[in-house]
Amino acid sequence: MWKCGQSAEDYLDCSRDYIEARAVPWLEGGDPIAGKVRYKWFGQKRERRYYVPDLDNLLEVPVVGFT
């Protein structure tokens, strides 16, 4: 249910900056936020992991500004 930064980049086929710009901290009991991806810190290295259902939702968000 969680992907590390590189896996999230590969999963969405986008840059880490794109993901980071939409990242919000995970709140227990919190609801998804449209256009955002929630993350948690994991492991001793304190690496961010991104919630896969939120990554899936980012795939469905239309990109604004492109014609």
N, C-alpha and C. Protein backbone atom coordinates (compact mmCIF):
# COMPACT_ATOMS: atom_id res chain seq x y z
N MET A 1 0.80 -1.19 0.00
CA MET A 1 0.00 0.00 0.00
C MET A 1 0.85 1.27 0.00
N TRP A 2 2.17 1.14 0.18
CA TRP A 2 3.06 2.30 0.24
C TRP A 2 4.20 2.10 -0.75
N LYS A 3 4.64 3.21 -1.37
CA LYS A 3 5.78 3.16 -2.29
C LYS A 3 6.82 4.20 -1.88
N CYS A 4 8.09 3.82 -2.04
CA CYS A 4 9.16 4.78 -1.78
C CYS A 4 9.19 5.81 -2.92
N GLY A 5 10.00 6.83 -2.78
CA GLY A 5 10.06 7.91 -3.76
C GLY A 5 10.33 7.45 -5.18
N GLN A 6 11.37 6.62 -5.35
CA GLN A 6 11.72 6.16 -6.70
C GLN A 6 10.61 5.31 -7.30
N SER A 7 10.01 4.44 -6.49
CA SER A 7 8.91 3.61 -6.97
C SER A 7 7.70 4.45 -7.35
N ALA A 8 7.44 5.49 -6.57
CA ALA A 8 6.32 6.39 -6.87
C ALA A 8 6.57 7.12 -8.18
N GLU A 9 7.82 7.57 -8.40
CA GLU A 9 8.17 8.23 -9.66
C GLU A 9 7.92 7.30 -10.84
N ASP A 10 8.40 6.07 -10.72
CA ASP A 10 8.23 5.09 -11.79
C ASP A 10 6.75 4.76 -12.00
N TYR A 11 6.02 4.63 -10.91
CA TYR A 11 4.60 4.28 -10.95
C TYR A 11 3.79 5.34 -11.71
N LEU A 12 4.10 6.62 -11.44
CA LEU A 12 3.37 7.72 -12.09
C LEU A 12 4.04 8.20 -13.37
N ASP A 13 5.29 7.75 -13.60
CA ASP A 13 6.08 8.21 -14.74
C ASP A 13 6.18 9.74 -14.71
N CYS A 14 6.67 10.25 -13.57
CA CYS A 14 6.82 11.69 -13.38
C CYS A 14 8.04 11.95 -12.50
N SER A 15 8.31 13.21 -12.27
CA SER A 15 9.48 13.57 -11.45
C SER A 15 9.13 13.55 -9.96
N ARG A 16 10.17 13.49 -9.15
CA ARG A 16 9.98 13.55 -7.70
C ARG A 16 9.42 14.91 -7.31
N ASP A 17 9.83 15.97 -8.01
CA ASP A 17 9.30 17.31 -7.73
C ASP A 17 7.79 17.36 -7.89
N TYR A 18 7.27 16.68 -8.91
CA TYR A 18 5.82 16.63 -9.13
C TYR A 18 5.12 16.02 -7.91
N ILE A 19 5.68 14.92 -7.42
CA ILE A 19 5.09 14.23 -6.26
C ILE A 19 5.24 15.09 -5.01
N GLU A 20 6.42 15.63 -4.79
CA GLU A 20 6.67 16.44 -3.58
C GLU A 20 5.76 17.67 -3.53
N ALA A 21 5.47 18.24 -4.67
CA ALA A 21 4.60 19.43 -4.71
C ALA A 21 3.17 19.09 -4.29
N ARG A 22 2.81 17.82 -4.36
CA ARG A 22 1.46 17.39 -4.01
C ARG A 22 1.40 16.57 -2.72
N ALA A 23 2.54 16.43 -2.05
CA ALA A 23 2.64 15.60 -0.86
C ALA A 23 2.14 16.32 0.39
N VAL A 24 1.37 15.61 1.19
CA VAL A 24 0.91 16.12 2.48
C VAL A 24 1.12 15.02 3.52
N PRO A 25 1.41 15.38 4.77
CA PRO A 25 1.63 14.35 5.80
C PRO A 25 0.36 13.53 6.05
N TRP A 26 0.58 12.27 6.38
CA TRP A 26 -0.50 11.36 6.72
C TRP A 26 -1.07 11.74 8.08
N LEU A 27 -2.37 11.84 8.18
CA LEU A 27 -3.05 12.06 9.46
C LEU A 27 -3.95 10.86 9.73
N GLU A 28 -3.78 10.24 10.89
CA GLU A 28 -4.60 9.09 11.23
C GLU A 28 -6.07 9.47 11.17
N GLY A 29 -6.85 8.66 10.49
CA GLY A 29 -8.28 8.91 10.39
C GLY A 29 -8.63 10.00 9.40
N GLY A 30 -7.62 10.53 8.70
CA GLY A 30 -7.86 11.60 7.73
C GLY A 30 -8.40 11.05 6.42
N ASP A 31 -9.15 11.87 5.73
CA ASP A 31 -9.71 11.50 4.44
C ASP A 31 -8.75 11.91 3.32
N PRO A 32 -8.86 11.25 2.17
CA PRO A 32 -8.04 11.66 1.03
C PRO A 32 -8.33 13.11 0.65
N ILE A 33 -7.33 13.76 0.08
CA ILE A 33 -7.47 15.14 -0.38
C ILE A 33 -7.26 15.13 -1.89
N ALA A 34 -8.23 15.61 -2.63
CA ALA A 34 -8.15 15.60 -4.09
C ALA A 34 -6.88 16.31 -4.56
N GLY A 35 -6.16 15.65 -5.46
CA GLY A 35 -4.96 16.25 -6.03
C GLY A 35 -3.73 16.19 -5.15
N LYS A 36 -3.83 15.49 -4.01
CA LYS A 36 -2.70 15.37 -3.08
C LYS A 36 -2.37 13.90 -2.85
N VAL A 37 -1.15 13.65 -2.44
CA VAL A 37 -0.73 12.30 -2.08
C VAL A 37 -0.19 12.34 -0.65
N ARG A 38 -0.74 11.48 0.19
CA ARG A 38 -0.31 11.44 1.59
C ARG A 38 0.93 10.57 1.73
N TYR A 39 1.77 10.93 2.70
CA TYR A 39 2.98 10.16 2.96
C TYR A 39 3.16 9.94 4.45
N LYS A 40 3.96 8.91 4.76
CA LYS A 40 4.41 8.62 6.12
C LYS A 40 5.92 8.44 6.07
N TRP A 41 6.55 8.62 7.22
CA TRP A 41 7.98 8.35 7.37
C TRP A 41 8.15 6.91 7.85
N PHE A 42 9.05 6.15 7.19
CA PHE A 42 9.28 4.76 7.55
C PHE A 42 10.76 4.51 7.78
N GLY A 43 11.04 3.52 8.62
CA GLY A 43 12.39 3.03 8.81
C GLY A 43 13.30 3.93 9.61
N GLN A 44 14.49 3.42 9.87
CA GLN A 44 15.48 4.17 10.63
C GLN A 44 16.04 5.35 9.84
N LYS A 45 16.04 5.24 8.52
CA LYS A 45 16.52 6.34 7.69
C LYS A 45 15.46 7.42 7.51
N ARG A 46 14.27 7.18 8.04
CA ARG A 46 13.17 8.15 7.95
C ARG A 46 12.88 8.50 6.48
N GLU A 47 12.60 7.48 5.69
CA GLU A 47 12.29 7.67 4.28
C GLU A 47 10.78 7.85 4.09
N ARG A 48 10.44 8.77 3.23
CA ARG A 48 9.02 8.99 2.91
C ARG A 48 8.49 7.83 2.09
N ARG A 49 7.28 7.42 2.42
CA ARG A 49 6.56 6.42 1.63
C ARG A 49 5.22 7.03 1.27
N TYR A 50 4.83 6.86 0.02
CA TYR A 50 3.62 7.47 -0.50
C TYR A 50 2.51 6.44 -0.62
N TYR A 51 1.31 6.85 -0.26
CA TYR A 51 0.14 5.97 -0.20
C TYR A 51 -0.35 5.69 -1.63
N VAL A 52 -0.36 4.41 -2.00
CA VAL A 52 -0.66 4.02 -3.38
C VAL A 52 -2.05 4.47 -3.85
N PRO A 53 -3.14 4.32 -3.06
CA PRO A 53 -4.43 4.82 -3.55
C PRO A 53 -4.40 6.32 -3.89
N ASP A 54 -3.62 7.10 -3.17
CA ASP A 54 -3.49 8.52 -3.50
C ASP A 54 -2.71 8.72 -4.80
N LEU A 55 -1.70 7.88 -5.02
CA LEU A 55 -0.97 7.93 -6.29
C LEU A 55 -1.91 7.60 -7.44
N ASP A 56 -2.76 6.59 -7.23
CA ASP A 56 -3.76 6.24 -8.26
C ASP A 56 -4.67 7.42 -8.55
N ASN A 57 -5.07 8.14 -7.51
CA ASN A 57 -5.94 9.30 -7.69
C ASN A 57 -5.24 10.41 -8.47
N LEU A 58 -3.92 10.55 -8.29
CA LEU A 58 -3.18 11.56 -9.05
C LEU A 58 -3.20 11.25 -10.55
N LEU A 59 -3.27 9.97 -10.88
CA LEU A 59 -3.34 9.58 -12.29
C LEU A 59 -4.62 10.08 -12.93
N GLU A 60 -5.66 10.27 -12.12
CA GLU A 60 -6.97 10.67 -12.62
C GLU A 60 -7.17 12.18 -12.63
N VAL A 61 -6.27 12.95 -12.01
CA VAL A 61 -6.41 14.41 -11.94
C VAL A 61 -5.97 15.00 -13.26
N PRO A 62 -6.82 15.80 -13.91
CA PRO A 62 -6.42 16.39 -15.19
C PRO A 62 -5.29 17.40 -15.01
N VAL A 63 -4.39 17.45 -15.96
CA VAL A 63 -3.29 18.40 -15.93
C VAL A 63 -3.79 19.72 -16.51
N VAL A 64 -3.67 20.79 -15.74
CA VAL A 64 -4.16 22.10 -16.16
C VAL A 64 -3.02 22.88 -16.83
N GLY A 65 -3.33 23.59 -17.88
CA GLY A 65 -2.34 24.44 -18.51
C GLY A 65 -1.75 23.87 -19.78
N PHE A 66 -2.12 22.64 -20.14
CA PHE A 66 -1.62 22.05 -21.37
C PHE A 66 -2.74 21.98 -22.39
N THR A 67 -2.40 22.26 -23.62
CA THR A 67 -3.41 22.19 -24.69
C THR A 67 -3.01 21.22 -25.75
